[in-house]
Amino acid sequence: MTYVVTENCIKCKYTDCVSVCPVDCFYEGANMLVIHPDECIDCGVCEPECPADAIKPDTEPGLEDWLALNAELAEKWPVIDDQKAPPPDADEWRDKPAKLAWLSRSPGG
């Protein structure tokens, strides 16, 4: 099992999860984070820290595409190991549905 960052992170990019991760398995894109599935130790401490409820265990049904996306983007984006301020409009985007069209594949940092 691993944890997966899902669509709720897009345009919110809260980094509360990063500050509790003991293995630095989060990677930063321009407008979301992902978890490297081969580095995640399945401890689960990140899941309750996410204000957008964007982190889920990969055992939940329907997350196969998100797991693949996390794996793909974690190979391209830089690791993030320090908490940062969220984007100024993060709270406005937090509960919006269907945010995949807003995903930037550009690295963050």
N, C-alpha and C. Protein backbone atom coordinates (compact mmCIF):
# COMPACT_ATOMS: atom_id res chain seq x y z
N MET A 1 0.84 -1.18 0.00
CA MET A 1 0.00 0.00 0.00
C MET A 1 0.88 1.24 0.00
N THR A 2 0.37 2.29 -0.59
CA THR A 2 1.01 3.59 -0.56
C THR A 2 -0.10 4.64 -0.44
N TYR A 3 0.29 5.85 -0.25
CA TYR A 3 -0.69 6.94 -0.24
C TYR A 3 -0.58 7.70 -1.56
N VAL A 4 -1.69 8.32 -1.94
CA VAL A 4 -1.81 8.95 -3.24
C VAL A 4 -2.38 10.36 -3.06
N VAL A 5 -1.81 11.32 -3.75
CA VAL A 5 -2.38 12.67 -3.78
C VAL A 5 -3.38 12.71 -4.93
N THR A 6 -4.57 13.19 -4.64
CA THR A 6 -5.65 13.19 -5.62
C THR A 6 -5.99 14.61 -6.08
N GLU A 7 -7.01 14.68 -6.90
CA GLU A 7 -7.45 15.90 -7.56
C GLU A 7 -7.68 17.08 -6.61
N ASN A 8 -8.07 16.80 -5.38
CA ASN A 8 -8.35 17.89 -4.45
C ASN A 8 -7.15 18.78 -4.19
N CYS A 9 -5.96 18.29 -4.45
CA CYS A 9 -4.74 19.09 -4.22
C CYS A 9 -4.53 20.16 -5.30
N ILE A 10 -5.06 19.92 -6.48
CA ILE A 10 -4.82 20.83 -7.59
C ILE A 10 -5.31 22.24 -7.26
N LYS A 11 -4.42 23.20 -7.44
CA LYS A 11 -4.65 24.63 -7.20
C LYS A 11 -4.76 24.98 -5.71
N CYS A 12 -4.66 23.98 -4.82
CA CYS A 12 -4.63 24.26 -3.38
C CYS A 12 -3.20 24.18 -2.88
N LYS A 13 -2.58 23.04 -3.15
CA LYS A 13 -1.17 22.80 -2.84
C LYS A 13 -0.78 23.20 -1.41
N TYR A 14 -1.61 22.77 -0.47
CA TYR A 14 -1.22 22.92 0.93
C TYR A 14 -0.05 21.98 1.18
N THR A 15 0.88 22.38 2.01
CA THR A 15 2.06 21.55 2.23
C THR A 15 2.17 21.07 3.68
N ASP A 16 1.07 21.06 4.39
CA ASP A 16 1.06 20.57 5.77
C ASP A 16 1.57 19.13 5.82
N CYS A 17 1.22 18.35 4.80
CA CYS A 17 1.63 16.94 4.71
C CYS A 17 3.14 16.78 4.66
N VAL A 18 3.80 17.70 4.00
CA VAL A 18 5.24 17.62 3.82
C VAL A 18 5.97 17.72 5.16
N SER A 19 5.46 18.55 6.04
CA SER A 19 6.14 18.77 7.31
C SER A 19 6.12 17.55 8.23
N VAL A 20 5.22 16.61 8.00
CA VAL A 20 5.13 15.42 8.87
C VAL A 20 5.70 14.17 8.22
N CYS A 21 6.02 14.22 6.94
CA CYS A 21 6.51 13.02 6.22
C CYS A 21 7.92 12.66 6.70
N PRO A 22 8.09 11.45 7.22
CA PRO A 22 9.42 11.08 7.73
C PRO A 22 10.42 10.66 6.65
N VAL A 23 9.96 10.49 5.40
CA VAL A 23 10.87 10.00 4.36
C VAL A 23 10.98 10.94 3.15
N ASP A 24 10.39 12.09 3.21
CA ASP A 24 10.48 13.07 2.12
C ASP A 24 10.09 12.47 0.77
N CYS A 25 8.88 11.90 0.71
CA CYS A 25 8.43 11.28 -0.54
C CYS A 25 7.45 12.16 -1.32
N PHE A 26 7.34 13.43 -0.94
CA PHE A 26 6.49 14.36 -1.68
C PHE A 26 7.31 15.12 -2.72
N TYR A 27 6.68 15.33 -3.86
CA TYR A 27 7.31 16.05 -4.96
C TYR A 27 6.39 17.19 -5.37
N GLU A 28 7.00 18.30 -5.77
CA GLU A 28 6.24 19.54 -5.97
C GLU A 28 6.12 19.93 -7.44
N GLY A 29 4.88 20.09 -7.85
CA GLY A 29 4.58 20.65 -9.15
C GLY A 29 4.16 22.10 -8.98
N ALA A 30 3.88 22.74 -10.08
CA ALA A 30 3.51 24.15 -10.04
C ALA A 30 2.24 24.39 -9.24
N ASN A 31 1.29 23.45 -9.31
CA ASN A 31 0.04 23.70 -8.58
C ASN A 31 -0.51 22.49 -7.83
N MET A 32 0.32 21.48 -7.59
CA MET A 32 -0.08 20.37 -6.72
C MET A 32 1.16 19.61 -6.28
N LEU A 33 0.97 18.70 -5.34
CA LEU A 33 2.02 17.81 -4.87
C LEU A 33 1.67 16.39 -5.29
N VAL A 34 2.67 15.53 -5.34
CA VAL A 34 2.44 14.10 -5.54
C VAL A 34 3.32 13.33 -4.57
N ILE A 35 2.97 12.07 -4.37
CA ILE A 35 3.75 11.16 -3.53
C ILE A 35 4.41 10.13 -4.44
N HIS A 36 5.71 9.91 -4.21
CA HIS A 36 6.40 8.86 -4.96
C HIS A 36 6.02 7.52 -4.33
N PRO A 37 5.31 6.67 -5.06
CA PRO A 37 4.81 5.43 -4.46
C PRO A 37 5.90 4.46 -4.02
N ASP A 38 7.08 4.53 -4.63
CA ASP A 38 8.16 3.62 -4.24
C ASP A 38 8.92 4.12 -3.01
N GLU A 39 8.69 5.37 -2.63
CA GLU A 39 9.38 5.94 -1.47
C GLU A 39 8.48 6.01 -0.25
N CYS A 40 7.19 6.04 -0.45
CA CYS A 40 6.22 6.12 0.64
C CYS A 40 6.33 4.86 1.50
N ILE A 41 6.40 5.04 2.82
CA ILE A 41 6.51 3.88 3.73
C ILE A 41 5.16 3.53 4.35
N ASP A 42 4.09 4.10 3.83
CA ASP A 42 2.73 3.75 4.24
C ASP A 42 2.44 4.05 5.71
N CYS A 43 3.09 5.05 6.25
CA CYS A 43 2.87 5.36 7.66
C CYS A 43 1.53 6.07 7.89
N GLY A 44 1.06 6.81 6.89
CA GLY A 44 -0.24 7.45 6.98
C GLY A 44 -0.30 8.75 7.75
N VAL A 45 0.83 9.27 8.21
CA VAL A 45 0.78 10.50 9.00
C VAL A 45 0.38 11.71 8.16
N CYS A 46 0.57 11.64 6.86
CA CYS A 46 0.24 12.77 5.99
C CYS A 46 -1.26 12.92 5.76
N GLU A 47 -1.97 11.82 5.71
CA GLU A 47 -3.39 11.86 5.34
C GLU A 47 -4.22 12.81 6.20
N PRO A 48 -4.17 12.73 7.53
CA PRO A 48 -5.00 13.63 8.33
C PRO A 48 -4.52 15.09 8.34
N GLU A 49 -3.30 15.33 7.87
CA GLU A 49 -2.76 16.69 7.87
C GLU A 49 -3.25 17.53 6.70
N CYS A 50 -3.79 16.91 5.67
CA CYS A 50 -4.17 17.63 4.46
C CYS A 50 -5.49 18.38 4.65
N PRO A 51 -5.47 19.71 4.60
CA PRO A 51 -6.70 20.48 4.76
C PRO A 51 -7.72 20.27 3.63
N ALA A 52 -7.23 19.80 2.48
CA ALA A 52 -8.12 19.61 1.32
C ALA A 52 -8.60 18.16 1.20
N ASP A 53 -8.21 17.31 2.13
CA ASP A 53 -8.59 15.89 2.09
C ASP A 53 -8.19 15.27 0.75
N ALA A 54 -6.98 15.60 0.31
CA ALA A 54 -6.51 15.16 -1.01
C ALA A 54 -5.64 13.92 -0.97
N ILE A 55 -5.31 13.41 0.21
CA ILE A 55 -4.43 12.25 0.32
C ILE A 55 -5.25 11.05 0.75
N LYS A 56 -5.12 9.98 -0.04
CA LYS A 56 -5.90 8.76 0.19
C LYS A 56 -4.99 7.54 0.11
N PRO A 57 -5.33 6.46 0.83
CA PRO A 57 -4.59 5.22 0.64
C PRO A 57 -4.94 4.62 -0.72
N ASP A 58 -3.98 4.01 -1.36
CA ASP A 58 -4.24 3.46 -2.70
C ASP A 58 -5.16 2.25 -2.68
N THR A 59 -5.57 1.83 -1.50
CA THR A 59 -6.52 0.73 -1.39
C THR A 59 -7.96 1.18 -1.63
N GLU A 60 -8.19 2.48 -1.65
CA GLU A 60 -9.53 2.98 -1.96
C GLU A 60 -9.81 2.74 -3.44
N PRO A 61 -11.03 2.34 -3.76
CA PRO A 61 -11.35 2.07 -5.17
C PRO A 61 -11.29 3.33 -6.03
N GLY A 62 -10.90 3.13 -7.29
CA GLY A 62 -10.92 4.22 -8.26
C GLY A 62 -9.70 5.11 -8.27
N LEU A 63 -8.64 4.76 -7.57
CA LEU A 63 -7.46 5.62 -7.50
C LEU A 63 -6.32 5.17 -8.41
N GLU A 64 -6.55 4.19 -9.25
CA GLU A 64 -5.49 3.66 -10.10
C GLU A 64 -4.86 4.74 -10.99
N ASP A 65 -5.69 5.57 -11.60
CA ASP A 65 -5.17 6.63 -12.46
C ASP A 65 -4.36 7.65 -11.67
N TRP A 66 -4.81 7.95 -10.45
CA TRP A 66 -4.08 8.90 -9.62
C TRP A 66 -2.76 8.32 -9.14
N LEU A 67 -2.74 7.03 -8.84
CA LEU A 67 -1.49 6.38 -8.46
C LEU A 67 -0.49 6.45 -9.61
N ALA A 68 -0.94 6.18 -10.82
CA ALA A 68 -0.06 6.25 -11.99
C ALA A 68 0.43 7.67 -12.22
N LEU A 69 -0.44 8.65 -12.05
CA LEU A 69 -0.04 10.05 -12.22
C LEU A 69 0.97 10.46 -11.17
N ASN A 70 0.76 10.07 -9.91
CA ASN A 70 1.72 10.37 -8.85
C ASN A 70 3.08 9.78 -9.20
N ALA A 71 3.10 8.53 -9.64
CA ALA A 71 4.37 7.88 -9.99
C ALA A 71 5.07 8.59 -11.13
N GLU A 72 4.30 8.95 -12.15
CA GLU A 72 4.88 9.63 -13.31
C GLU A 72 5.47 10.99 -12.95
N LEU A 73 4.70 11.80 -12.24
CA LEU A 73 5.14 13.16 -11.95
C LEU A 73 6.23 13.21 -10.88
N ALA A 74 6.25 12.25 -9.97
CA ALA A 74 7.31 12.21 -8.96
C ALA A 74 8.68 11.99 -9.59
N GLU A 75 8.71 11.39 -10.76
CA GLU A 75 9.98 11.20 -11.48
C GLU A 75 10.45 12.48 -12.18
N LYS A 76 9.56 13.43 -12.33
CA LYS A 76 9.88 14.66 -13.09
C LYS A 76 10.00 15.90 -12.21
N TRP A 77 9.36 15.88 -11.06
CA TRP A 77 9.31 17.07 -10.21
C TRP A 77 10.33 16.98 -9.08
N PRO A 78 10.71 18.14 -8.50
CA PRO A 78 11.67 18.14 -7.39
C PRO A 78 11.01 17.73 -6.08
N VAL A 79 11.82 17.11 -5.23
CA VAL A 79 11.34 16.75 -3.90
C VAL A 79 11.06 18.03 -3.11
N ILE A 80 10.06 17.98 -2.26
CA ILE A 80 9.77 19.09 -1.35
C ILE A 80 9.84 18.53 0.07
N ASP A 81 10.64 19.17 0.92
CA ASP A 81 10.79 18.65 2.27
C ASP A 81 10.54 19.70 3.35
N ASP A 82 10.09 20.87 2.94
CA ASP A 82 9.75 21.92 3.90
C ASP A 82 8.37 22.46 3.59
N GLN A 83 7.63 22.77 4.64
CA GLN A 83 6.31 23.34 4.47
C GLN A 83 6.43 24.77 3.93
N LYS A 84 5.54 25.09 3.00
CA LYS A 84 5.50 26.43 2.41
C LYS A 84 4.09 26.98 2.57
N ALA A 85 3.97 28.27 2.38
CA ALA A 85 2.64 28.88 2.39
C ALA A 85 1.88 28.41 1.16
N PRO A 86 0.58 28.17 1.31
CA PRO A 86 -0.22 27.78 0.14
C PRO A 86 -0.42 28.96 -0.80
N PRO A 87 -0.87 28.70 -2.01
CA PRO A 87 -1.18 29.81 -2.91
C PRO A 87 -2.23 30.73 -2.27
N PRO A 88 -2.23 32.01 -2.60
CA PRO A 88 -3.16 32.94 -1.97
C PRO A 88 -4.64 32.58 -2.17
N ASP A 89 -4.95 31.90 -3.27
CA ASP A 89 -6.35 31.54 -3.55
C ASP A 89 -6.66 30.08 -3.24
N ALA A 90 -5.82 29.43 -2.45
CA ALA A 90 -6.00 28.01 -2.15
C ALA A 90 -7.36 27.71 -1.54
N ASP A 91 -7.79 28.51 -0.60
CA ASP A 91 -9.08 28.25 0.05
C ASP A 91 -10.25 28.35 -0.93
N GLU A 92 -10.13 29.20 -1.93
CA GLU A 92 -11.18 29.33 -2.94
C GLU A 92 -11.28 28.06 -3.80
N TRP A 93 -10.16 27.39 -4.02
CA TRP A 93 -10.13 26.20 -4.86
C TRP A 93 -10.38 24.91 -4.09
N ARG A 94 -10.32 24.97 -2.79
CA ARG A 94 -10.32 23.77 -1.95
C ARG A 94 -11.45 22.79 -2.23
N ASP A 95 -12.64 23.22 -2.35
CA ASP A 95 -13.78 22.31 -2.50
C ASP A 95 -14.36 22.28 -3.90
N LYS A 96 -13.65 22.83 -4.86
CA LYS A 96 -14.15 22.81 -6.24
C LYS A 96 -13.98 21.42 -6.84
N PRO A 97 -15.00 20.95 -7.54
CA PRO A 97 -14.89 19.64 -8.18
C PRO A 97 -14.22 19.75 -9.55
N ALA A 98 -13.87 18.61 -10.10
CA ALA A 98 -13.37 18.50 -11.48
C ALA A 98 -12.21 19.46 -11.77
N LYS A 99 -11.15 19.34 -10.99
CA LYS A 99 -10.01 20.24 -11.15
C LYS A 99 -8.90 19.68 -12.04
N LEU A 100 -9.05 18.47 -12.54
CA LEU A 100 -7.98 17.86 -13.33
C LEU A 100 -7.57 18.71 -14.52
N ALA A 101 -8.53 19.40 -15.12
CA ALA A 101 -8.21 20.26 -16.28
C ALA A 101 -7.26 21.39 -15.90
N TRP A 102 -7.15 21.69 -14.62
CA TRP A 102 -6.29 22.78 -14.15
C TRP A 102 -4.89 22.30 -13.77
N LEU A 103 -4.65 20.99 -13.83
CA LEU A 103 -3.35 20.46 -13.45
C LEU A 103 -2.25 20.98 -14.35
N SER A 104 -1.21 21.55 -13.75
CA SER A 104 -0.01 21.93 -14.48
C SER A 104 1.00 20.81 -14.32
N ARG A 105 1.58 20.36 -15.39
CA ARG A 105 2.61 19.33 -15.32
C ARG A 105 4.01 19.93 -15.14
N SER A 106 4.07 21.24 -15.00
CA SER A 106 5.34 21.91 -14.78
C SER A 106 5.83 21.67 -13.34
N PRO A 107 7.13 21.58 -13.17
CA PRO A 107 7.65 21.42 -11.82
C PRO A 107 7.45 22.68 -10.99
N GLY A 108 7.38 22.50 -9.70
CA GLY A 108 7.27 23.65 -8.79
C GLY A 108 8.61 23.90 -8.14
N GLY A 109 8.54 24.71 -7.12
CA GLY A 109 9.79 24.96 -6.40
C GLY A 109 9.92 26.37 -5.98
